[in-house]
Amino acid sequence: MKIYGIKNCGSVKKAMVFMECEGIEYEFVDFKKTPVGSEKISQWSAKIGMDKLLNRKGTTYKKLGLGEMTLDDAAKVKFMSENNSLIKRPIIEYGDDEVMAGFDEGVYEITFITLDKN
């Protein structure tokens, strides 16, 4: 399992604490130290959709004025690859090529605890 994000992000911290409390091992990939490129972002988008991947609530999105632009998915991927802070956090890669974005404790419990016990 890999958790992608920024160390000081509240949602990323919550995800890491959840995994640690449940004894789930993971590798953390810090966007600030190891930025992800367009290929990885496109893979994520294909799995979970652009709506779940692009962080429209963050300051970077607002600062770049992306809400006022008409962008296709390729342009969104380009912006996200140049500004990883536009990616909703955390991104979690798990299982057989599965991906999820954001922190939701209920979904984490179902996905990482309940399914793990079956």
N, C-alpha and C. Protein backbone atom coordinates (compact mmCIF):
# COMPACT_ATOMS: atom_id res chain seq x y z
N MET A 1 0.84 -1.18 0.00
CA MET A 1 0.00 0.00 0.00
C MET A 1 0.89 1.24 0.00
N LYS A 2 0.47 2.21 -0.78
CA LYS A 2 1.17 3.50 -0.82
C LYS A 2 0.17 4.60 -0.51
N ILE A 3 0.60 5.54 0.31
CA ILE A 3 -0.18 6.74 0.59
C ILE A 3 0.60 7.91 0.01
N TYR A 4 -0.04 8.66 -0.89
CA TYR A 4 0.57 9.83 -1.51
C TYR A 4 -0.05 11.08 -0.90
N GLY A 5 0.78 12.08 -0.65
CA GLY A 5 0.25 13.33 -0.13
C GLY A 5 1.33 14.27 0.33
N ILE A 6 0.95 15.16 1.22
CA ILE A 6 1.86 16.15 1.80
C ILE A 6 1.79 15.94 3.31
N LYS A 7 2.96 15.83 3.92
CA LYS A 7 3.03 15.46 5.34
C LYS A 7 2.21 16.33 6.27
N ASN A 8 2.15 17.63 6.01
CA ASN A 8 1.45 18.52 6.93
C ASN A 8 -0.04 18.68 6.60
N CYS A 9 -0.56 17.92 5.64
CA CYS A 9 -1.98 17.96 5.28
C CYS A 9 -2.78 17.19 6.33
N GLY A 10 -3.84 17.80 6.82
CA GLY A 10 -4.67 17.19 7.85
C GLY A 10 -5.26 15.85 7.44
N SER A 11 -5.76 15.75 6.22
CA SER A 11 -6.35 14.50 5.74
C SER A 11 -5.31 13.40 5.62
N VAL A 12 -4.12 13.76 5.19
CA VAL A 12 -3.03 12.78 5.08
C VAL A 12 -2.65 12.29 6.48
N LYS A 13 -2.54 13.21 7.42
CA LYS A 13 -2.22 12.83 8.80
C LYS A 13 -3.25 11.86 9.35
N LYS A 14 -4.54 12.15 9.13
CA LYS A 14 -5.61 11.28 9.60
C LYS A 14 -5.50 9.88 8.99
N ALA A 15 -5.20 9.82 7.70
CA ALA A 15 -5.05 8.53 7.01
C ALA A 15 -3.89 7.73 7.60
N MET A 16 -2.77 8.39 7.84
CA MET A 16 -1.60 7.70 8.39
C MET A 16 -1.87 7.22 9.81
N VAL A 17 -2.52 8.04 10.61
CA VAL A 17 -2.87 7.64 11.98
C VAL A 17 -3.82 6.44 11.94
N PHE A 18 -4.80 6.48 11.06
CA PHE A 18 -5.73 5.35 10.92
C PHE A 18 -4.97 4.07 10.62
N MET A 19 -4.10 4.11 9.63
CA MET A 19 -3.35 2.92 9.22
C MET A 19 -2.47 2.42 10.37
N GLU A 20 -1.81 3.35 11.03
CA GLU A 20 -0.92 2.97 12.14
C GLU A 20 -1.72 2.35 13.29
N CYS A 21 -2.86 2.92 13.64
CA CYS A 21 -3.71 2.38 14.72
C CYS A 21 -4.23 0.98 14.39
N GLU A 22 -4.44 0.72 13.11
CA GLU A 22 -4.94 -0.59 12.68
C GLU A 22 -3.81 -1.57 12.35
N GLY A 23 -2.57 -1.12 12.49
CA GLY A 23 -1.43 -1.99 12.21
C GLY A 23 -1.26 -2.30 10.73
N ILE A 24 -1.70 -1.39 9.88
CA ILE A 24 -1.60 -1.58 8.44
C ILE A 24 -0.33 -0.90 7.94
N GLU A 25 0.53 -1.67 7.31
CA GLU A 25 1.79 -1.12 6.80
C GLU A 25 1.54 -0.37 5.50
N TYR A 26 2.28 0.70 5.33
CA TYR A 26 2.17 1.50 4.11
C TYR A 26 3.50 2.20 3.84
N GLU A 27 3.65 2.63 2.61
CA GLU A 27 4.78 3.46 2.20
C GLU A 27 4.21 4.85 1.93
N PHE A 28 4.85 5.88 2.50
CA PHE A 28 4.39 7.24 2.27
C PHE A 28 5.22 7.89 1.17
N VAL A 29 4.54 8.50 0.21
CA VAL A 29 5.20 9.23 -0.88
C VAL A 29 4.80 10.69 -0.75
N ASP A 30 5.76 11.52 -0.44
CA ASP A 30 5.54 12.95 -0.22
C ASP A 30 5.62 13.70 -1.55
N PHE A 31 4.52 14.33 -1.93
CA PHE A 31 4.50 15.10 -3.18
C PHE A 31 5.60 16.16 -3.23
N LYS A 32 5.97 16.70 -2.08
CA LYS A 32 6.98 17.76 -2.05
C LYS A 32 8.37 17.21 -2.39
N LYS A 33 8.64 15.96 -1.98
CA LYS A 33 9.95 15.36 -2.22
C LYS A 33 9.98 14.51 -3.48
N THR A 34 8.85 13.89 -3.81
CA THR A 34 8.77 13.01 -4.97
C THR A 34 7.49 13.34 -5.75
N PRO A 35 7.51 14.40 -6.54
CA PRO A 35 6.31 14.77 -7.30
C PRO A 35 5.91 13.67 -8.27
N VAL A 36 4.61 13.53 -8.48
CA VAL A 36 4.13 12.56 -9.46
C VAL A 36 3.86 13.29 -10.77
N GLY A 37 4.06 12.56 -11.86
CA GLY A 37 3.90 13.15 -13.18
C GLY A 37 2.57 12.81 -13.82
N SER A 38 2.43 13.24 -15.05
CA SER A 38 1.16 13.10 -15.76
C SER A 38 0.76 11.65 -16.00
N GLU A 39 1.73 10.76 -16.17
CA GLU A 39 1.39 9.35 -16.41
C GLU A 39 0.67 8.75 -15.19
N LYS A 40 1.21 8.96 -14.00
CA LYS A 40 0.61 8.44 -12.77
C LYS A 40 -0.75 9.10 -12.54
N ILE A 41 -0.84 10.41 -12.75
CA ILE A 41 -2.09 11.13 -12.56
C ILE A 41 -3.16 10.63 -13.53
N SER A 42 -2.78 10.36 -14.76
CA SER A 42 -3.72 9.82 -15.75
C SER A 42 -4.21 8.43 -15.34
N GLN A 43 -3.32 7.61 -14.78
CA GLN A 43 -3.72 6.28 -14.30
C GLN A 43 -4.76 6.41 -13.18
N TRP A 44 -4.48 7.31 -12.24
CA TRP A 44 -5.43 7.52 -11.14
C TRP A 44 -6.77 8.01 -11.67
N SER A 45 -6.73 8.97 -12.58
CA SER A 45 -7.95 9.53 -13.14
C SER A 45 -8.78 8.46 -13.85
N ALA A 46 -8.11 7.56 -14.56
CA ALA A 46 -8.81 6.48 -15.25
C ALA A 46 -9.52 5.56 -14.27
N LYS A 47 -8.97 5.42 -13.08
CA LYS A 47 -9.55 4.52 -12.08
C LYS A 47 -10.66 5.17 -11.25
N ILE A 48 -10.45 6.42 -10.83
CA ILE A 48 -11.41 7.03 -9.90
C ILE A 48 -12.16 8.23 -10.48
N GLY A 49 -11.72 8.72 -11.63
CA GLY A 49 -12.38 9.86 -12.26
C GLY A 49 -11.78 11.19 -11.85
N MET A 50 -11.84 12.11 -12.74
CA MET A 50 -11.26 13.44 -12.52
C MET A 50 -11.96 14.18 -11.38
N ASP A 51 -13.27 13.98 -11.23
CA ASP A 51 -14.01 14.67 -10.18
C ASP A 51 -13.49 14.32 -8.79
N LYS A 52 -13.08 13.08 -8.59
CA LYS A 52 -12.55 12.67 -7.28
C LYS A 52 -11.08 13.03 -7.13
N LEU A 53 -10.39 13.20 -8.22
CA LEU A 53 -8.94 13.42 -8.18
C LEU A 53 -8.54 14.88 -8.03
N LEU A 54 -9.23 15.77 -8.71
CA LEU A 54 -8.87 17.19 -8.70
C LEU A 54 -9.44 17.88 -7.47
N ASN A 55 -8.56 18.51 -6.70
CA ASN A 55 -8.96 19.21 -5.48
C ASN A 55 -9.39 20.63 -5.84
N ARG A 56 -10.69 20.83 -5.95
CA ARG A 56 -11.25 22.13 -6.32
C ARG A 56 -11.40 23.07 -5.13
N LYS A 57 -11.19 22.55 -3.92
CA LYS A 57 -11.38 23.37 -2.72
C LYS A 57 -10.08 23.99 -2.21
N GLY A 58 -8.96 23.59 -2.75
CA GLY A 58 -7.67 24.07 -2.25
C GLY A 58 -7.30 25.46 -2.72
N THR A 59 -6.33 26.03 -2.05
CA THR A 59 -5.89 27.39 -2.39
C THR A 59 -5.19 27.43 -3.75
N THR A 60 -4.48 26.36 -4.11
CA THR A 60 -3.79 26.35 -5.41
C THR A 60 -4.79 26.45 -6.55
N TYR A 61 -5.87 25.72 -6.46
CA TYR A 61 -6.92 25.74 -7.49
C TYR A 61 -7.46 27.16 -7.65
N LYS A 62 -7.73 27.80 -6.52
CA LYS A 62 -8.28 29.16 -6.55
C LYS A 62 -7.24 30.17 -7.02
N LYS A 63 -6.01 30.01 -6.54
CA LYS A 63 -4.94 30.94 -6.90
C LYS A 63 -4.64 30.91 -8.40
N LEU A 64 -4.71 29.72 -9.00
CA LEU A 64 -4.47 29.60 -10.45
C LEU A 64 -5.67 29.99 -11.29
N GLY A 65 -6.81 30.22 -10.64
CA GLY A 65 -8.01 30.63 -11.37
C GLY A 65 -8.60 29.52 -12.23
N LEU A 66 -8.39 28.27 -11.85
CA LEU A 66 -8.84 27.16 -12.68
C LEU A 66 -10.36 27.08 -12.76
N GLY A 67 -11.05 27.59 -11.76
CA GLY A 67 -12.51 27.57 -11.78
C GLY A 67 -13.10 28.41 -12.90
N GLU A 68 -12.34 29.40 -13.34
CA GLU A 68 -12.82 30.28 -14.41
C GLU A 68 -12.42 29.78 -15.79
N MET A 69 -11.61 28.72 -15.85
CA MET A 69 -11.14 28.19 -17.13
C MET A 69 -11.98 27.00 -17.56
N THR A 70 -12.06 26.82 -18.87
CA THR A 70 -12.68 25.62 -19.42
C THR A 70 -11.55 24.68 -19.80
N LEU A 71 -11.40 23.64 -18.99
CA LEU A 71 -10.27 22.72 -19.18
C LEU A 71 -10.78 21.31 -19.47
N ASP A 72 -10.14 20.65 -20.44
CA ASP A 72 -10.44 19.23 -20.64
C ASP A 72 -9.57 18.43 -19.68
N ASP A 73 -9.79 17.12 -19.63
CA ASP A 73 -9.05 16.30 -18.68
C ASP A 73 -7.54 16.35 -18.90
N ALA A 74 -7.11 16.43 -20.14
CA ALA A 74 -5.67 16.49 -20.43
C ALA A 74 -5.05 17.76 -19.83
N ALA A 75 -5.75 18.86 -19.92
CA ALA A 75 -5.25 20.12 -19.35
C ALA A 75 -5.23 20.04 -17.82
N LYS A 76 -6.24 19.41 -17.24
CA LYS A 76 -6.28 19.23 -15.78
C LYS A 76 -5.11 18.37 -15.32
N VAL A 77 -4.84 17.30 -16.06
CA VAL A 77 -3.69 16.43 -15.72
C VAL A 77 -2.39 17.23 -15.81
N LYS A 78 -2.26 18.06 -16.82
CA LYS A 78 -1.05 18.89 -16.98
C LYS A 78 -0.89 19.82 -15.78
N PHE A 79 -1.96 20.50 -15.38
CA PHE A 79 -1.90 21.39 -14.22
C PHE A 79 -1.53 20.61 -12.96
N MET A 80 -2.15 19.43 -12.78
CA MET A 80 -1.87 18.64 -11.58
C MET A 80 -0.43 18.12 -11.56
N SER A 81 0.12 17.79 -12.73
CA SER A 81 1.49 17.30 -12.76
C SER A 81 2.48 18.43 -12.46
N GLU A 82 2.10 19.65 -12.81
CA GLU A 82 2.95 20.81 -12.51
C GLU A 82 2.74 21.33 -11.09
N ASN A 83 1.58 21.02 -10.51
CA ASN A 83 1.21 21.48 -9.17
C ASN A 83 0.53 20.32 -8.43
N ASN A 84 1.33 19.42 -7.85
CA ASN A 84 0.75 18.26 -7.18
C ASN A 84 -0.21 18.63 -6.06
N SER A 85 -0.16 19.86 -5.59
CA SER A 85 -1.09 20.29 -4.54
C SER A 85 -2.52 20.37 -5.07
N LEU A 86 -2.72 20.27 -6.38
CA LEU A 86 -4.05 20.23 -6.97
C LEU A 86 -4.70 18.85 -6.86
N ILE A 87 -3.93 17.86 -6.44
CA ILE A 87 -4.43 16.50 -6.31
C ILE A 87 -5.08 16.34 -4.94
N LYS A 88 -6.28 15.81 -4.92
CA LYS A 88 -6.97 15.56 -3.65
C LYS A 88 -6.13 14.59 -2.82
N ARG A 89 -6.05 14.86 -1.53
CA ARG A 89 -5.20 14.07 -0.66
C ARG A 89 -5.99 13.40 0.45
N PRO A 90 -5.47 12.28 0.90
CA PRO A 90 -4.40 11.46 0.33
C PRO A 90 -4.91 10.64 -0.86
N ILE A 91 -3.98 10.20 -1.67
CA ILE A 91 -4.25 9.19 -2.68
C ILE A 91 -3.69 7.89 -2.11
N ILE A 92 -4.50 6.84 -2.13
CA ILE A 92 -4.05 5.56 -1.61
C ILE A 92 -4.14 4.52 -2.72
N GLU A 93 -3.00 3.88 -2.98
CA GLU A 93 -2.94 2.74 -3.89
C GLU A 93 -2.90 1.49 -3.02
N TYR A 94 -3.77 0.53 -3.30
CA TYR A 94 -3.85 -0.66 -2.47
C TYR A 94 -4.36 -1.84 -3.28
N GLY A 95 -4.24 -3.03 -2.69
CA GLY A 95 -4.77 -4.24 -3.32
C GLY A 95 -4.21 -4.47 -4.71
N ASP A 96 -5.05 -5.04 -5.54
CA ASP A 96 -4.64 -5.33 -6.91
C ASP A 96 -4.93 -4.14 -7.81
N ASP A 97 -4.11 -3.09 -7.66
CA ASP A 97 -4.22 -1.93 -8.55
C ASP A 97 -5.44 -1.06 -8.27
N GLU A 98 -5.85 -0.98 -6.99
CA GLU A 98 -6.98 -0.13 -6.59
C GLU A 98 -6.47 1.24 -6.15
N VAL A 99 -7.34 2.26 -6.27
CA VAL A 99 -6.98 3.63 -5.91
C VAL A 99 -8.18 4.29 -5.23
N MET A 100 -7.89 5.11 -4.20
CA MET A 100 -8.94 5.96 -3.62
C MET A 100 -8.33 7.30 -3.26
N ALA A 101 -9.19 8.31 -3.20
CA ALA A 101 -8.74 9.67 -2.89
C ALA A 101 -9.52 10.20 -1.70
N GLY A 102 -8.82 10.94 -0.84
CA GLY A 102 -9.45 11.59 0.29
C GLY A 102 -9.49 10.71 1.52
N PHE A 103 -9.88 11.31 2.64
CA PHE A 103 -9.99 10.57 3.90
C PHE A 103 -11.46 10.43 4.28
N ASP A 104 -11.89 9.19 4.48
CA ASP A 104 -13.23 8.90 4.96
C ASP A 104 -13.10 7.67 5.85
N GLU A 105 -13.16 7.87 7.16
CA GLU A 105 -12.91 6.78 8.10
C GLU A 105 -13.85 5.60 7.88
N GLY A 106 -15.11 5.86 7.59
CA GLY A 106 -16.06 4.77 7.34
C GLY A 106 -15.66 3.93 6.14
N VAL A 107 -15.27 4.59 5.06
CA VAL A 107 -14.82 3.87 3.86
C VAL A 107 -13.53 3.12 4.16
N TYR A 108 -12.64 3.72 4.92
CA TYR A 108 -11.39 3.05 5.29
C TYR A 108 -11.69 1.78 6.10
N GLU A 109 -12.62 1.87 7.04
CA GLU A 109 -12.95 0.70 7.86
C GLU A 109 -13.47 -0.43 6.99
N ILE A 110 -14.37 -0.11 6.07
CA ILE A 110 -14.92 -1.13 5.18
C ILE A 110 -13.84 -1.69 4.26
N THR A 111 -13.05 -0.83 3.69
CA THR A 111 -12.06 -1.24 2.70
C THR A 111 -10.86 -1.94 3.32
N PHE A 112 -10.31 -1.39 4.39
CA PHE A 112 -9.04 -1.88 4.90
C PHE A 112 -9.16 -2.81 6.10
N ILE A 113 -10.30 -2.77 6.82
CA ILE A 113 -10.44 -3.63 8.00
C ILE A 113 -11.41 -4.76 7.73
N THR A 114 -12.65 -4.44 7.38
CA THR A 114 -13.68 -5.46 7.18
C THR A 114 -13.28 -6.42 6.08
N LEU A 115 -12.85 -5.91 4.93
CA LEU A 115 -12.48 -6.78 3.83
C LEU A 115 -11.24 -7.60 4.14
N ASP A 116 -10.34 -7.04 4.94
CA ASP A 116 -9.11 -7.72 5.30
C ASP A 116 -9.40 -8.95 6.17
N LYS A 117 -10.49 -8.91 6.94
CA LYS A 117 -10.82 -10.01 7.85
C LYS A 117 -11.55 -11.16 7.14
N ASN A 118 -12.05 -10.90 5.94
CA ASN A 118 -12.78 -11.96 5.21
C ASN A 118 -11.84 -12.86 4.45
